[in-house]
Amino acid sequence: MKLTKQTIFQVIFLILNVQALAAADWELAKNKNGVVVHTREVENSPLKEFRGKVVIQASTDEALALITNPSTYTTWLHDCKSAEKLKTNSKNEWYVYLLNGAPWPVSNRDVIFKANLSSDDKGTTTIQMKESSDISRPSPSGVVRIPRIRGTWMIKQMEEGKIEVVYQAHTDPGGSIPEFAANLVVVDIPYNTLLNLKNKLTKP
């Protein structure tokens, strides 16, 4: 079938519209202190997915030294009560136990997740996080186990010694969670986490 110019333009227009609709899924939730947070609805979930971005005067290695070291999480990861690396399969794969606080009256949450690190030839390093049942560890009394988490850290090396850090995640929190608390969590977590990370990397 021979494509006319009109048909080609219609196809291009359709593609651009689909891309625009996909991009429109994200809504700006916060833009403060250099940290930009977007959120979007997830079908059949009380929690939205979040994506936070920040540019930091630091190196990829400096950021990785914190992100890959759970023993530091209580000092910068928002509402982290405790974190521990349970097992290391290789320098690019490990397991973490994480206990997070939650606003009253919501119960604290915990999760065991598997992390996988990869890098490309464009200077971008990515850490993928996913819940795992490979390692068994009971939840403390009164704590709800998170049944599903999908998260990503992406660190992109920029010019002038800067990096762009993107923190994106969606969680099925398990149990019940009020809508007001859910809306607070999906903004506070990426905003405070990235702001804390920025301060840790740039202040003595």
Protein backbone atom coordinates (compact mmCIF):
# COMPACT_ATOMS: atom_id res chain seq x y z
CA MET A 1 0.00 0.00 0.00
CA LYS A 2 1.36 3.38 -1.02
CA LEU A 3 1.30 6.00 1.71
CA THR A 4 0.26 9.52 0.74
CA LYS A 5 1.68 12.61 2.40
CA GLN A 6 -1.67 13.13 4.11
CA THR A 7 -1.60 9.60 5.55
CA ILE A 8 1.96 10.05 6.79
CA PHE A 9 1.04 13.34 8.48
CA GLN A 10 -1.98 11.66 10.11
CA VAL A 11 0.22 8.86 11.48
CA ILE A 12 2.76 11.35 12.82
CA PHE A 13 -0.05 13.41 14.38
CA LEU A 14 -1.49 10.27 16.02
CA ILE A 15 1.91 9.27 17.43
CA LEU A 16 2.51 12.75 18.83
CA ASN A 17 -0.93 12.77 20.42
CA VAL A 18 -0.34 9.36 22.04
CA GLN A 19 3.00 10.58 23.40
CA ALA A 20 1.37 13.76 24.70
CA LEU A 21 -1.35 11.77 26.46
CA ALA A 22 1.24 9.49 28.05
CA ALA A 23 3.24 12.50 29.25
CA ALA A 24 0.06 14.10 30.62
CA ASP A 25 -0.38 11.20 33.05
CA TRP A 26 2.09 12.87 35.40
CA GLU A 27 0.86 15.81 37.46
CA LEU A 28 3.13 18.31 39.21
CA ALA A 29 2.74 17.88 42.97
CA LYS A 30 5.62 19.95 44.34
CA ASN A 31 8.49 22.14 43.11
CA LYS A 32 10.59 23.49 45.95
CA ASN A 33 14.26 23.79 46.93
CA GLY A 34 15.33 22.33 43.60
CA VAL A 35 13.26 19.17 44.08
CA VAL A 36 10.46 18.51 41.58
CA VAL A 37 7.83 15.86 42.37
CA HIS A 38 5.22 14.49 39.98
CA THR A 39 2.52 11.92 40.78
CA ARG A 40 0.04 9.89 38.78
CA GLU A 41 -2.90 7.62 39.47
CA VAL A 42 -2.46 3.84 39.42
CA GLU A 43 -5.49 1.70 38.69
CA ASN A 44 -6.92 -0.19 41.69
CA SER A 45 -4.40 1.35 44.10
CA PRO A 46 -4.96 3.81 46.98
CA LEU A 47 -1.46 5.18 46.45
CA LYS A 48 -0.30 7.16 43.45
CA GLU A 49 3.03 6.53 41.76
CA PHE A 50 5.60 9.25 42.40
CA ARG A 51 8.62 10.54 40.52
CA GLY A 52 11.03 12.99 42.11
CA LYS A 53 13.98 14.74 40.47
CA VAL A 54 16.84 16.84 41.77
CA VAL A 55 20.18 18.11 40.43
CA ILE A 56 23.07 17.85 42.89
CA GLN A 57 26.66 19.09 42.81
CA ALA A 58 28.16 15.65 43.39
CA SER A 59 29.44 12.56 41.60
CA THR A 60 27.63 9.33 40.76
CA ASP A 61 29.97 7.42 43.08
CA GLU A 62 29.14 9.73 45.99
CA ALA A 63 25.41 9.22 45.47
CA LEU A 64 25.81 5.46 45.11
CA ALA A 65 27.78 5.33 48.36
CA LEU A 66 24.56 6.34 50.13
CA ILE A 67 21.90 4.69 47.99
CA THR A 68 23.60 1.28 48.02
CA ASN A 69 24.32 1.43 51.77
CA PRO A 70 21.15 0.75 53.80
CA SER A 71 22.93 1.54 57.08
CA THR A 72 22.73 5.24 56.05
CA TYR A 73 19.01 5.22 55.20
CA THR A 74 17.80 6.44 58.60
CA THR A 75 19.77 9.67 58.03
CA TRP A 76 18.18 10.65 54.70
CA LEU A 77 15.45 8.26 53.48
CA HIS A 78 12.14 9.81 54.57
CA ASP A 79 10.53 8.10 57.58
CA CYS A 80 12.97 5.19 57.51
CA LYS A 81 13.06 3.62 60.98
CA SER A 82 15.63 0.95 60.18
CA ALA A 83 17.28 -0.70 57.18
CA GLU A 84 19.66 -3.59 56.77
CA LYS A 85 21.38 -5.32 53.89
CA LEU A 86 20.39 -8.96 54.31
CA LYS A 87 22.36 -10.61 51.55
CA THR A 88 24.73 -9.68 48.73
CA ASN A 89 24.78 -11.85 45.63
CA SER A 90 27.23 -9.62 43.77
CA LYS A 91 28.24 -5.97 43.53
CA ASN A 92 25.19 -5.50 41.31
CA GLU A 93 22.58 -7.49 43.26
CA TRP A 94 21.58 -7.46 46.92
CA TYR A 95 18.62 -7.76 49.34
CA VAL A 96 17.45 -5.14 51.85
CA TYR A 97 15.06 -5.18 54.81
CA LEU A 98 13.36 -1.80 55.24
CA LEU A 99 11.08 -0.57 58.05
CA ASN A 100 9.22 2.68 57.39
CA GLY A 101 7.20 4.82 59.73
CA ALA A 102 3.72 6.05 58.77
CA PRO A 103 1.54 8.98 59.92
CA TRP A 104 -0.99 8.20 62.65
CA PRO A 105 -3.30 6.28 62.55
CA VAL A 106 -1.61 4.24 59.81
CA SER A 107 0.52 1.27 60.88
CA ASN A 108 4.22 1.21 60.06
CA ARG A 109 5.21 -0.77 56.98
CA ASP A 110 8.13 -3.05 56.21
CA VAL A 111 9.40 -4.87 53.13
CA ILE A 112 12.20 -7.06 51.87
CA PHE A 113 13.27 -5.96 48.43
CA LYS A 114 15.81 -7.08 45.87
CA ALA A 115 18.01 -4.41 44.26
CA ASN A 116 19.71 -4.68 40.89
CA LEU A 117 22.27 -2.16 39.67
CA SER A 118 23.15 -1.47 36.04
CA SER A 119 24.97 1.22 34.06
CA ASP A 120 24.95 2.28 30.42
CA ASP A 121 27.57 3.88 28.21
CA LYS A 122 25.86 7.28 28.46
CA GLY A 123 26.79 7.80 32.09
CA THR A 124 23.48 6.73 33.63
CA THR A 125 23.34 4.32 36.56
CA THR A 126 20.05 2.64 37.49
CA ILE A 127 18.99 0.67 40.56
CA GLN A 128 15.78 -1.33 40.26
CA MET A 129 13.95 -2.40 43.44
CA LYS A 130 11.28 -5.08 43.73
CA GLU A 131 9.72 -6.92 46.67
CA SER A 132 11.14 -10.38 47.24
CA SER A 133 10.19 -13.55 49.07
CA ASP A 134 13.64 -15.09 48.52
CA ILE A 135 14.54 -14.30 52.13
CA SER A 136 12.21 -14.88 55.05
CA ARG A 137 11.99 -12.39 57.91
CA PRO A 138 8.86 -11.82 60.02
CA SER A 139 7.43 -8.36 60.50
CA PRO A 140 7.57 -6.83 64.00
CA SER A 141 4.32 -6.75 65.98
CA GLY A 142 1.88 -4.18 64.63
CA VAL A 143 3.81 -3.68 61.37
CA VAL A 144 2.18 -4.41 57.99
CA ARG A 145 4.24 -6.14 55.33
CA ILE A 146 4.21 -4.33 51.97
CA PRO A 147 3.05 -6.91 49.39
CA ARG A 148 4.33 -5.08 46.31
CA ILE A 149 6.88 -2.40 45.54
CA ARG A 150 8.44 -1.26 42.28
CA GLY A 151 11.08 1.40 42.59
CA THR A 152 13.89 2.94 40.59
CA TRP A 153 16.84 5.14 41.35
CA MET A 154 18.41 6.71 38.26
CA ILE A 155 21.59 8.76 38.47
CA LYS A 156 22.69 10.64 35.37
CA GLN A 157 26.14 12.25 35.19
CA MET A 158 25.94 15.84 33.94
CA GLU A 159 28.46 18.55 33.09
CA GLU A 160 30.25 20.72 35.66
CA GLY A 161 30.40 17.92 38.23
CA LYS A 162 26.64 17.64 38.67
CA ILE A 163 24.28 14.68 38.69
CA GLU A 164 20.56 14.37 38.13
CA VAL A 165 18.92 11.95 40.55
CA VAL A 166 15.48 10.53 39.78
CA TYR A 167 13.59 8.56 42.42
CA GLN A 168 10.45 6.83 41.15
CA ALA A 169 8.27 4.26 42.88
CA HIS A 170 4.85 2.78 43.31
CA THR A 171 3.87 0.71 46.33
CA ASP A 172 0.93 -1.44 47.26
CA PRO A 173 0.99 -0.62 51.00
CA GLY A 174 -1.13 -3.56 52.11
CA GLY A 175 -3.82 -3.24 54.78
CA SER A 176 -5.92 -0.08 54.83
CA ILE A 177 -4.70 3.47 54.46
CA PRO A 178 -6.81 6.68 54.56
CA GLU A 179 -6.82 8.72 51.35
CA PHE A 180 -5.47 11.84 53.07
CA ALA A 181 -2.48 9.92 54.41
CA ALA A 182 -1.86 8.28 51.04
CA ASN A 183 -1.74 11.66 49.30
CA LEU A 184 0.71 13.01 51.86
CA VAL A 185 3.01 10.01 51.60
CA VAL A 186 3.46 10.04 47.83
CA VAL A 187 4.65 13.66 47.91
CA ASP A 188 6.56 13.72 51.20
CA ILE A 189 8.61 10.59 50.49
CA PRO A 190 10.30 11.71 47.26
CA TYR A 191 10.52 15.38 48.26
CA ASN A 192 12.08 14.89 51.69
CA THR A 193 14.22 11.98 50.56
CA LEU A 194 15.79 13.88 47.65
CA LEU A 195 16.19 17.06 49.69
CA ASN A 196 17.92 15.09 52.46
CA LEU A 197 20.11 13.32 49.89
CA LYS A 198 21.08 16.67 48.38
CA ASN A 199 21.98 18.09 51.78
CA LYS A 200 24.01 15.01 52.71
CA LEU A 201 26.04 15.24 49.50
CA THR A 202 26.63 19.00 49.44
CA LYS A 203 27.02 20.00 53.09
CA PRO A 204 30.07 19.14 55.21
